[in-house]
C-alpha atoms as a PDB file:
ATOM      1  CA  MET A   1       0.000   0.000   0.000  1.00  0.00           C
ATOM      2  CA  SER A   2       1.404   3.297  -1.141  1.00  0.00           C
ATOM      3  CA  TYR A   3       0.385   6.180   1.157  1.00  0.00           C
ATOM      4  CA  THR A   4       0.801   8.483  -1.849  1.00  0.00           C
ATOM      5  CA  GLN A   5      -2.714   9.810  -2.516  1.00  0.00           C
ATOM      6  CA  GLU A   6      -2.677  13.594  -2.935  1.00  0.00           C
ATOM      7  CA  ILE A   7      -5.010  15.635  -0.746  1.00  0.00           C
ATOM      8  CA  SER A   8      -7.831  17.624  -2.354  1.00  0.00           C
ATOM      9  CA  ARG A   9     -11.443  18.610  -1.766  1.00  0.00           C
ATOM     10  CA  ALA A  10     -12.484  15.362  -3.460  1.00  0.00           C
ATOM     11  CA  ARG A  11      -9.998  13.246  -1.494  1.00  0.00           C
ATOM     12  CA  LYS A  12      -9.804  14.782   1.959  1.00  0.00           C
ATOM     13  CA  ALA A  13      -7.321  13.913   4.701  1.00  0.00           C
ATOM     14  CA  CYS A  14      -8.319  13.016   8.248  1.00  0.00           C
ATOM     15  CA  PHE A  15      -6.359  13.734  11.429  1.00  0.00           C
ATOM     16  CA  LEU A  16      -7.636  12.557  14.802  1.00  0.00           C
ATOM     17  CA  PHE A  17      -5.852  13.565  18.009  1.00  0.00           C
ATOM     18  CA  LEU A  18      -6.468  11.675  21.258  1.00  0.00           C
ATOM     19  CA  LEU A  19      -5.575  13.848  24.258  1.00  0.00           C
ATOM     20  CA  ASP A  20      -4.964  12.302  27.665  1.00  0.00           C
ATOM     21  CA  GLN A  21      -6.769  14.657  30.073  1.00  0.00           C
ATOM     22  CA  SER A  22      -6.182  12.601  33.218  1.00  0.00           C
ATOM     23  CA  PHE A  23      -5.202  14.188  36.534  1.00  0.00           C
ATOM     24  CA  SER A  24      -1.504  13.421  36.069  1.00  0.00           C
ATOM     25  CA  MET A  25      -1.424  15.985  33.239  1.00  0.00           C
ATOM     26  CA  GLU A  26      -1.203  18.522  36.092  1.00  0.00           C
ATOM     27  CA  GLU A  27       2.449  17.494  36.502  1.00  0.00           C
ATOM     28  CA  PRO A  28       5.292  19.507  34.926  1.00  0.00           C
ATOM     29  CA  LEU A  29       6.705  18.391  31.605  1.00  0.00           C
ATOM     30  CA  GLY A  30      10.273  17.087  31.638  1.00  0.00           C
ATOM     31  CA  ASN A  31      12.986  19.781  31.576  1.00  0.00           C
ATOM     32  CA  SER A  32      10.318  22.443  32.193  1.00  0.00           C
ATOM     33  CA  ASP A  33       8.344  24.154  34.928  1.00  0.00           C
ATOM     34  CA  LYS A  34       5.271  24.256  32.685  1.00  0.00           C
ATOM     35  CA  LEU A  35       2.411  21.800  33.120  1.00  0.00           C
ATOM     36  CA  LYS A  36       1.889  18.958  30.660  1.00  0.00           C
ATOM     37  CA  LYS A  37      -1.725  19.928  30.059  1.00  0.00           C
ATOM     38  CA  ASP A  38      -0.772  23.516  29.179  1.00  0.00           C
ATOM     39  CA  GLU A  39       2.086  22.530  26.874  1.00  0.00           C
ATOM     40  CA  LEU A  40      -0.152  20.012  25.121  1.00  0.00           C
ATOM     41  CA  ALA A  41      -2.889  22.599  24.538  1.00  0.00           C
ATOM     42  CA  THR A  42      -0.298  25.061  23.215  1.00  0.00           C
ATOM     43  CA  ALA A  43       1.110  22.478  20.791  1.00  0.00           C
ATOM     44  CA  LEU A  44      -2.333  21.494  19.500  1.00  0.00           C
ATOM     45  CA  ASN A  45      -3.396  25.090  18.973  1.00  0.00           C
ATOM     46  CA  ALA A  46      -0.161  25.777  17.079  1.00  0.00           C
ATOM     47  CA  TRP A  47      -0.750  22.725  14.879  1.00  0.00           C
ATOM     48  CA  LEU A  48      -4.338  23.750  14.139  1.00  0.00           C
ATOM     49  CA  GLN A  49      -3.180  27.243  13.214  1.00  0.00           C
ATOM     50  CA  ASN A  50      -0.468  25.888  10.906  1.00  0.00           C
ATOM     51  CA  MET A  51      -2.907  23.535   9.198  1.00  0.00           C
ATOM     52  CA  THR A  52      -5.360  26.386   8.704  1.00  0.00           C
ATOM     53  CA  ILE A  53      -2.611  28.427   7.050  1.00  0.00           C
ATOM     54  CA  ARG A  54      -1.607  25.516   4.800  1.00  0.00           C
ATOM     55  CA  ALA A  55      -5.207  25.035   3.730  1.00  0.00           C
ATOM     56  CA  SER A  56      -5.656  28.715   2.876  1.00  0.00           C
ATOM     57  CA  GLY A  57      -5.685  30.037  -0.683  1.00  0.00           C
ATOM     58  CA  ASP A  58      -6.949  32.932  -2.759  1.00  0.00           C
ATOM     59  CA  THR A  59     -10.549  31.892  -2.152  1.00  0.00           C
ATOM     60  CA  GLY A  60     -10.185  31.321   1.584  1.00  0.00           C
ATOM     61  CA  ILE A  61      -9.675  28.130   3.573  1.00  0.00           C
ATOM     62  CA  LYS A  62     -10.060  25.038   1.414  1.00  0.00           C
ATOM     63  CA  ASP A  63     -12.133  22.192   2.780  1.00  0.00           C
ATOM     64  CA  TRP A  64      -9.624  19.412   2.189  1.00  0.00           C
ATOM     65  CA  MET A  65      -9.176  17.831   5.604  1.00  0.00           C
ATOM     66  CA  ASP A  66     -11.276  16.756   8.586  1.00  0.00           C
ATOM     67  CA  VAL A  67      -9.834  17.109  12.068  1.00  0.00           C
ATOM     68  CA  GLY A  68     -10.869  15.694  15.432  1.00  0.00           C
ATOM     69  CA  VAL A  69      -9.449  16.435  18.882  1.00  0.00           C
ATOM     70  CA  LEU A  70     -10.840  13.929  21.398  1.00  0.00           C
ATOM     71  CA  GLY A  71     -10.105  14.398  25.080  1.00  0.00           C
ATOM     72  CA  TYR A  72     -10.323  11.336  27.328  1.00  0.00           C
ATOM     73  CA  ARG A  73     -10.496  11.113  31.119  1.00  0.00           C
ATOM     74  CA  THR A  74     -12.810   9.719  33.839  1.00  0.00           C
ATOM     75  CA  ASP A  75     -15.252  11.259  36.280  1.00  0.00           C
ATOM     76  CA  GLU A  76     -15.154  10.858  40.078  1.00  0.00           C
ATOM     77  CA  GLN A  77     -16.846   7.450  39.804  1.00  0.00           C
ATOM     78  CA  GLY A  78     -14.335   6.218  37.247  1.00  0.00           C
ATOM     79  CA  ASN A  79     -16.713   6.429  34.284  1.00  0.00           C
ATOM     80  CA  PRO A  80     -15.007   7.326  30.990  1.00  0.00           C
ATOM     81  CA  ILE A  81     -15.505  10.799  29.564  1.00  0.00           C
ATOM     82  CA  LEU A  82     -14.814  11.031  25.825  1.00  0.00           C
ATOM     83  CA  GLU A  83     -15.578  14.358  24.175  1.00  0.00           C
ATOM     84  CA  SER A  84     -14.302  16.770  21.593  1.00  0.00           C
ATOM     85  CA  ALA A  85     -11.776  19.177  23.080  1.00  0.00           C
ATOM     86  CA  LEU A  86     -12.667  21.824  20.501  1.00  0.00           C
ATOM     87  CA  GLN A  87     -14.557  24.676  22.124  1.00  0.00           C
ATOM     88  CA  GLY A  88     -16.538  27.757  21.265  1.00  0.00           C
ATOM     89  CA  ALA A  89     -18.684  27.520  18.130  1.00  0.00           C
ATOM     90  CA  LEU A  90     -17.202  24.062  17.388  1.00  0.00           C
ATOM     91  CA  ALA A  91     -18.354  22.524  20.669  1.00  0.00           C
ATOM     92  CA  GLY A  92     -20.998  19.890  20.084  1.00  0.00           C
ATOM     93  CA  ARG A  93     -20.339  19.734  16.336  1.00  0.00           C
ATOM     94  CA  GLY A  94     -19.260  16.082  16.411  1.00  0.00           C
ATOM     95  CA  ASP A  95     -16.015  14.152  16.555  1.00  0.00           C
ATOM     96  CA  LEU A  96     -14.679  15.481  13.234  1.00  0.00           C
ATOM     97  CA  VAL A  97     -14.973  18.963  11.748  1.00  0.00           C
ATOM     98  CA  SER A  98     -13.538  20.457   8.569  1.00  0.00           C
ATOM     99  CA  ILE A  99     -10.368  22.545   8.637  1.00  0.00           C
ATOM    100  CA  LYS A 100     -12.440  25.349   7.070  1.00  0.00           C
ATOM    101  CA  ASP A 101     -14.791  25.373  10.064  1.00  0.00           C
ATOM    102  CA  ILE A 102     -11.830  25.261  12.433  1.00  0.00           C
ATOM    103  CA  GLY A 103     -10.095  28.193  10.765  1.00  0.00           C
ATOM    104  CA  GLU A 104     -13.221  30.307  10.808  1.00  0.00           C
ATOM    105  CA  ASN A 105     -14.218  29.545  14.423  1.00  0.00           C
ATOM    106  CA  PRO A 106     -11.443  29.928  17.005  1.00  0.00           C
ATOM    107  CA  LEU A 107     -12.561  30.195  20.617  1.00  0.00           C
ATOM    108  CA  ARG A 108     -10.466  33.350  21.078  1.00  0.00           C
ATOM    109  CA  ILE A 109      -7.200  35.031  20.067  1.00  0.00           C
ATOM    110  CA  ASP A 110      -4.369  35.131  22.631  1.00  0.00           C
ATOM    111  CA  GLN A 111      -1.087  37.043  22.580  1.00  0.00           C
ATOM    112  CA  LYS A 112       1.634  34.446  23.131  1.00  0.00           C
ATOM    113  CA  GLN A 113       5.227  33.499  22.486  1.00  0.00           C
ATOM    114  CA  GLN A 114       4.984  30.927  19.708  1.00  0.00           C
ATOM    115  CA  GLN A 115       7.509  28.128  19.187  1.00  0.00           C
ATOM    116  CA  LEU A 116       8.329  27.744  15.488  1.00  0.00           C
ATOM    117  CA  PRO A 117      11.156  26.083  13.562  1.00  0.00           C
ATOM    118  CA  ASP A 118      13.663  28.500  12.040  1.00  0.00           C
ATOM    119  CA  GLU A 119      13.620  28.038   8.251  1.00  0.00           C
ATOM    120  CA  ASP A 120      17.414  28.254   7.989  1.00  0.00           C
ATOM    121  CA  THR A 121      18.596  26.257  11.010  1.00  0.00           C
ATOM    122  CA  GLY A 122      15.606  24.075  11.867  1.00  0.00           C
ATOM    123  CA  GLU A 123      15.986  25.067  15.521  1.00  0.00           C
ATOM    124  CA  MET A 124      12.905  26.045  17.508  1.00  0.00           C
ATOM    125  CA  ILE A 125      12.674  29.795  18.118  1.00  0.00           C
ATOM    126  CA  SER A 126      10.245  31.900  20.150  1.00  0.00           C
ATOM    127  CA  ILE A 127       8.423  34.835  18.549  1.00  0.00           C
ATOM    128  CA  ALA A 128       5.586  37.082  19.695  1.00  0.00           C
ATOM    129  CA  ALA A 129       2.390  36.310  17.800  1.00  0.00           C
ATOM    130  CA  GLU A 130      -1.370  36.348  17.887  1.00  0.00           C
ATOM    131  CA  MET A 131      -2.423  32.790  18.644  1.00  0.00           C
ATOM    132  CA  PRO A 132      -5.890  31.493  17.868  1.00  0.00           C
ATOM    133  CA  VAL A 133      -7.112  29.132  20.592  1.00  0.00           C
ATOM    134  CA  TRP A 134      -9.402  26.184  19.974  1.00  0.00           C
ATOM    135  CA  VAL A 135      -8.341  23.881  22.832  1.00  0.00           C
ATOM    136  CA  ASP A 136      -7.911  24.750  26.522  1.00  0.00           C
ATOM    137  CA  SER A 137      -6.054  22.558  29.001  1.00  0.00           C
ATOM    138  CA  LYS A 138      -7.927  20.115  31.241  1.00  0.00           C
ATOM    139  CA  ALA A 139      -6.943  17.445  33.793  1.00  0.00           C
ATOM    140  CA  GLN A 140      -9.274  15.114  35.699  1.00  0.00           C
ATOM    141  CA  GLY A 141      -9.536  11.479  36.773  1.00  0.00           C
ATOM    142  CA  GLY A 142      -7.965   8.488  35.076  1.00  0.00           C
ATOM    143  CA  THR A 143      -6.864   7.300  31.627  1.00  0.00           C
ATOM    144  CA  PRO A 144      -9.553   5.278  29.744  1.00  0.00           C
ATOM    145  CA  MET A 145      -7.337   4.511  26.757  1.00  0.00           C
ATOM    146  CA  CYS A 146      -9.223   1.396  25.637  1.00  0.00           C
ATOM    147  CA  ASN A 147     -12.486   3.335  25.564  1.00  0.00           C
ATOM    148  CA  VAL A 148     -11.071   6.126  23.452  1.00  0.00           C
ATOM    149  CA  LEU A 149      -9.473   3.687  20.991  1.00  0.00           C
ATOM    150  CA  HIS A 150     -12.776   1.815  20.657  1.00  0.00           C
ATOM    151  CA  HIS A 151     -14.514   5.119  19.951  1.00  0.00           C
ATOM    152  CA  THR A 152     -11.774   6.026  17.488  1.00  0.00           C
ATOM    153  CA  TYR A 153     -12.478   2.830  15.566  1.00  0.00           C
ATOM    154  CA  GLU A 154     -16.158   3.749  15.255  1.00  0.00           C
ATOM    155  CA  VAL A 155     -15.390   7.323  14.159  1.00  0.00           C
ATOM    156  CA  LEU A 156     -12.867   6.283  11.501  1.00  0.00           C
ATOM    157  CA  GLU A 157     -14.889   3.342  10.244  1.00  0.00           C
ATOM    158  CA  GLY A 158     -17.657   5.788   9.347  1.00  0.00           C
ATOM    159  CA  TRP A 159     -15.273   8.332   7.807  1.00  0.00           C
ATOM    160  CA  ILE A 160     -13.538   5.724   5.634  1.00  0.00           C
ATOM    161  CA  LYS A 161     -16.857   4.536   4.176  1.00  0.00           C
ATOM    162  CA  ASP A 162     -17.269   8.006   2.677  1.00  0.00           C
ATOM    163  CA  HIS A 163     -13.605   8.488   1.691  1.00  0.00           C
ATOM    164  CA  GLN A 164     -12.410   5.166   0.286  1.00  0.00           C
ATOM    165  CA  SER A 165      -9.894   6.733  -2.120  1.00  0.00           C
ATOM    166  CA  SER A 166      -8.345   9.171   0.386  1.00  0.00           C
ATOM    167  CA  PHE A 167      -4.979   9.055   2.130  1.00  0.00           C
ATOM    168  CA  PRO A 168      -5.675   6.920   5.230  1.00  0.00           C
ATOM    169  CA  PRO A 169      -6.517   8.694   8.503  1.00  0.00           C
ATOM    170  CA  ILE A 170      -3.711   9.523  10.921  1.00  0.00           C
ATOM    171  CA  VAL A 171      -4.347   9.128  14.654  1.00  0.00           C
ATOM    172  CA  ILE A 172      -2.002  10.690  17.232  1.00  0.00           C
ATOM    173  CA  ASN A 173      -2.469   9.571  20.836  1.00  0.00           C
ATOM    174  CA  ILE A 174      -0.730  11.862  23.337  1.00  0.00           C
ATOM    175  CA  THR A 175      -0.542  10.477  26.859  1.00  0.00           C
ATOM    176  CA  ASP A 176       1.500  10.520  30.041  1.00  0.00           C
ATOM    177  CA  GLY A 177      -0.069   7.544  31.753  1.00  0.00           C
ATOM    178  CA  GLU A 178      -0.873   3.863  31.672  1.00  0.00           C
ATOM    179  CA  SER A 179      -4.231   2.680  30.348  1.00  0.00           C
ATOM    180  CA  GLN A 180      -6.529   2.183  33.328  1.00  0.00           C
ATOM    181  CA  ASP A 181      -9.327   0.276  31.584  1.00  0.00           C
ATOM    182  CA  GLY A 182      -7.469  -2.732  30.217  1.00  0.00           C
ATOM    183  CA  ASP A 183      -4.877  -3.695  27.606  1.00  0.00           C
ATOM    184  CA  PRO A 184      -5.033  -1.100  24.811  1.00  0.00           C
ATOM    185  CA  ILE A 185      -3.030  -3.108  22.266  1.00  0.00           C
ATOM    186  CA  PRO A 186      -5.978  -5.096  20.784  1.00  0.00           C
ATOM    187  CA  TYR A 187      -7.961  -1.863  20.423  1.00  0.00           C
ATOM    188  CA  ALA A 188      -4.991  -0.178  18.759  1.00  0.00           C
ATOM    189  CA  ASP A 189      -4.571  -3.143  16.396  1.00  0.00           C
ATOM    190  CA  ALA A 190      -8.234  -2.892  15.385  1.00  0.00           C
ATOM    191  CA  VAL A 191      -7.807   0.801  14.561  1.00  0.00           C
ATOM    192  CA  LYS A 192      -4.689   0.030  12.470  1.00  0.00           C
ATOM    193  CA  ASP A 193      -6.569  -2.681  10.567  1.00  0.00           C
ATOM    194  CA  LEU A 194      -8.937  -0.061   9.142  1.00  0.00           C
ATOM    195  CA  ALA A 195      -7.852   1.018   5.660  1.00  0.00           C
ATOM    196  CA  THR A 196      -8.639   3.113   2.617  1.00  0.00           C
ATOM    197  CA  GLU A 197      -7.530   2.110  -0.872  1.00  0.00           C
ATOM    198  CA  ASP A 198      -4.264   3.980  -0.208  1.00  0.00           C
ATOM    199  CA  GLY A 199      -3.215   2.246   3.015  1.00  0.00           C
ATOM    200  CA  ASN A 200      -4.047   1.316   6.595  1.00  0.00           C
ATOM    201  CA  VAL A 201      -4.843   3.837   9.303  1.00  0.00           C
ATOM    202  CA  LEU A 202      -1.655   5.153  10.941  1.00  0.00           C
ATOM    203  CA  LEU A 203      -1.559   5.271  14.737  1.00  0.00           C
ATOM    204  CA  PHE A 204       1.173   7.341  16.389  1.00  0.00           C
ATOM    205  CA  ASN A 205       1.772   7.582  20.132  1.00  0.00           C
ATOM    206  CA  CYS A 206       3.523  10.348  22.026  1.00  0.00           C
ATOM    207  CA  HIS A 207       4.618   9.814  25.631  1.00  0.00           C
ATOM    208  CA  LEU A 208       4.840  12.930  27.802  1.00  0.00           C
ATOM    209  CA  SER A 209       6.982  12.653  30.892  1.00  0.00           C
ATOM    210  CA  MET A 210       8.042  14.744  33.879  1.00  0.00           C
ATOM    211  CA  THR A 211      11.446  13.041  33.828  1.00  0.00           C
ATOM    212  CA  ALA A 212      14.323  15.328  32.878  1.00  0.00           C
ATOM    213  CA  ALA A 213      15.851  13.162  30.146  1.00  0.00           C
ATOM    214  CA  ASP A 214      16.610  13.452  26.455  1.00  0.00           C
ATOM    215  CA  PRO A 215      13.590  12.744  24.259  1.00  0.00           C
ATOM    216  CA  PHE A 216      13.751  10.540  21.198  1.00  0.00           C
ATOM    217  CA  MET A 217      11.446   9.760  18.321  1.00  0.00           C
ATOM    218  CA  PHE A 218      10.699   6.906  15.938  1.00  0.00           C
ATOM    219  CA  PRO A 219      12.391   3.922  17.654  1.00  0.00           C
ATOM    220  CA  ALA A 220      12.734   0.718  15.640  1.00  0.00           C
ATOM    221  CA  SER A 221      12.863  -1.617  18.656  1.00  0.00           C
ATOM    222  CA  ASN A 222      11.341  -1.710  22.119  1.00  0.00           C
ATOM    223  CA  GLU A 223      14.633  -2.922  23.595  1.00  0.00           C
ATOM    224  CA  ILE A 224      15.826   0.641  24.203  1.00  0.00           C
ATOM    225  CA  LEU A 225      12.628   1.643  26.011  1.00  0.00           C
ATOM    226  CA  PRO A 226      12.927   1.929  29.799  1.00  0.00           C
ATOM    227  CA  ASP A 227       9.576   0.697  31.099  1.00  0.00           C
ATOM    228  CA  ASP A 228       6.452  -1.326  30.353  1.00  0.00           C
ATOM    229  CA  LEU A 229       4.340   1.739  29.517  1.00  0.00           C
ATOM    230  CA  ALA A 230       6.769   2.818  26.821  1.00  0.00           C
ATOM    231  CA  ARG A 231       6.867  -0.712  25.398  1.00  0.00           C
ATOM    232  CA  VAL A 232       3.067  -0.851  25.234  1.00  0.00           C
ATOM    233  CA  LEU A 233       2.958   2.450  23.364  1.00  0.00           C
ATOM    234  CA  PHE A 234       5.644   1.139  21.006  1.00  0.00           C
ATOM    235  CA  ASP A 235       3.610  -1.991  20.266  1.00  0.00           C
ATOM    236  CA  MET A 236       0.538   0.172  19.622  1.00  0.00           C
ATOM    237  CA  SER A 237       2.350   2.396  17.101  1.00  0.00           C
ATOM    238  CA  SER A 238       2.379   1.956  13.328  1.00  0.00           C
ATOM    239  CA  VAL A 239       5.557   1.243  11.405  1.00  0.00           C
ATOM    240  CA  LEU A 240       6.387   4.390   9.437  1.00  0.00           C
ATOM    241  CA  PRO A 241       5.366   4.059   5.788  1.00  0.00           C
ATOM    242  CA  GLU A 242       8.037   4.865   3.241  1.00  0.00           C
ATOM    243  CA  THR A 243       6.711   8.377   2.539  1.00  0.00           C
ATOM    244  CA  ILE A 244       6.977   9.481   6.178  1.00  0.00           C
ATOM    245  CA  PHE A 245      10.193   7.496   6.762  1.00  0.00           C
ATOM    246  CA  ASN A 246      11.939   9.225   3.852  1.00  0.00           C
ATOM    247  CA  ARG A 247      10.688  12.643   4.926  1.00  0.00           C
ATOM    248  CA  ALA A 248      11.987  12.104   8.459  1.00  0.00           C
ATOM    249  CA  VAL A 249      15.393  11.022   7.139  1.00  0.00           C
ATOM    250  CA  ALA A 250      15.486  14.137   4.952  1.00  0.00           C
ATOM    251  CA  GLU A 251      14.774  16.187   8.083  1.00  0.00           C
ATOM    252  CA  GLY A 252      17.871  14.739   9.753  1.00  0.00           C
ATOM    253  CA  PHE A 253      16.451  11.855  11.801  1.00  0.00           C
ATOM    254  CA  GLU A 254      18.715   8.804  11.911  1.00  0.00           C
ATOM    255  CA  LEU A 255      16.117   6.080  11.492  1.00  0.00           C
ATOM    256  CA  LYS A 256      16.438   2.336  11.270  1.00  0.00           C
ATOM    257  CA  PRO A 257      14.188   0.025   9.243  1.00  0.00           C
ATOM    258  CA  ASN A 258      10.815  -0.635  10.876  1.00  0.00           C
ATOM    259  CA  ALA A 259      10.948   2.649  12.806  1.00  0.00           C
ATOM    260  CA  ARG A 260       7.600   3.308  14.458  1.00  0.00           C
ATOM    261  CA  GLY A 261       5.479   6.397  14.906  1.00  0.00           C
ATOM    262  CA  MET A 262       6.308   6.937  18.547  1.00  0.00           C
ATOM    263  CA  ALA A 263       7.904   9.675  20.627  1.00  0.00           C
ATOM    264  CA  PHE A 264       9.239   8.930  24.098  1.00  0.00           C
ATOM    265  CA  ASN A 265       9.724  11.417  26.945  1.00  0.00           C
ATOM    266  CA  ALA A 266       8.719  14.287  24.676  1.00  0.00           C
ATOM    267  CA  ASP A 267       9.406  17.839  25.741  1.00  0.00           C
ATOM    268  CA  MET A 268       7.716  20.818  24.073  1.00  0.00           C
ATOM    269  CA  VAL A 269      10.163  21.010  21.174  1.00  0.00           C
ATOM    270  CA  ALA A 270       9.946  17.268  20.518  1.00  0.00           C
ATOM    271  CA  LEU A 271       6.146  17.346  20.756  1.00  0.00           C
ATOM    272  CA  LEU A 272       5.873  20.075  18.120  1.00  0.00           C
ATOM    273  CA  LYS A 273       8.312  18.284  15.811  1.00  0.00           C
ATOM    274  CA  PHE A 274       6.462  14.997  16.317  1.00  0.00           C
ATOM    275  CA  LEU A 275       3.085  16.530  15.455  1.00  0.00           C
ATOM    276  CA  ASP A 276       4.497  18.155  12.359  1.00  0.00           C
ATOM    277  CA  MET A 277       6.415  15.108  11.140  1.00  0.00           C
ATOM    278  CA  GLY A 278       3.601  12.716  11.910  1.00  0.00           C
ATOM    279  CA  THR A 279       1.054  14.619   9.860  1.00  0.00           C
ATOM    280  CA  ARG A 280       3.006  16.380   7.115  1.00  0.00           C
ATOM    281  CA  ALA A 281       2.964  13.445   4.679  1.00  0.00           C
ATOM    282  CA  ALA A 282      -0.799  13.813   4.392  1.00  0.00           C
ATOM    283  CA  ALA A 283      -0.936  17.599   4.690  1.00  0.00           C
ATOM    284  CA  PRO A 284      -1.307  19.890   1.682  1.00  0.00           C
ATOM    285  CA  GLY A 285       1.289  22.506   0.882  1.00  0.00           C
END
C-alpha cells in the first residue's frame, strides 16, 4: 500500500488527536516548569493554526481535511468521559470537523510566544504572535485509553466509508499515563486494521513525561525503552510508511528500518516536531 494519494477537496485527509486529560497531566513536563496539560494545549493550537494556514488560498480556507481532537479522562466514579476538546462555536459539532470550520471559528485570540522552527537552522525559536485558541487545558480522573481507541475505531470506520480513495486517517495519541481500563493493544490493532484504498490507518503515540531526560522519536525496537508503559505504546504504534520514513530522514532523523510512529519522553520542542512530522505526509502545501 502506497500512502501516496494527494489531498484535495475530493480526497480529503483526516487527522484525529487523542488527548490524555487525566489528573496526572497537572504534573510539569520534563525539563520544564510548565504543566503537561498547558504545553499540550499550546502544541495542538499551534498545529491547528499551521494547518489552517496551509489550507488557505486565494478563495479562503479550502475544505480538504477533517480534524478531530478527542479528550479522554474519567469522572469521580471512574466512568469514561470522551468528548471533543474543541470549544466555542465548534463545541458539540461532532467528533470530526472540517479545517475550514476550524479556521473560521477559534474560541479566542491570545497574545503568546509561539515556538516555530527557524527556516534556515531548523531550531525552535520563540516569537511574539497572535495565537488562535481552539483547545484549553484540562486534567481530571484516570486514563480510559481502551475506551477512546474503541470510539476512534467507530469514528474512523464511518469516515472511511465516505472516503475510500483518500490518504488513510492519521491518529495521534498523546498520553503521560498507563491505560486504566485494560490492555489497549488489541484496540490499537483494530484501529490500524482499518484502511482506505491507499493504506491502513496510521496510529502514532507520544509519551509525555516529567522526567528530565533526552527525548527521542521513531524507535525501531522496544529494547531501548525503559519501562512497560513505553513498550506498550511502542507496540501500539504503526511502522512508518516509506513516505513518512523518507521525509523524516530528509529532516535529519537517523532512522532504522521498521521505525515506528512513537515519541518517548517528549518535551515541548519534541512534541511540536512529532506533530508536524507525523502529519506532514498527508498535509497539503
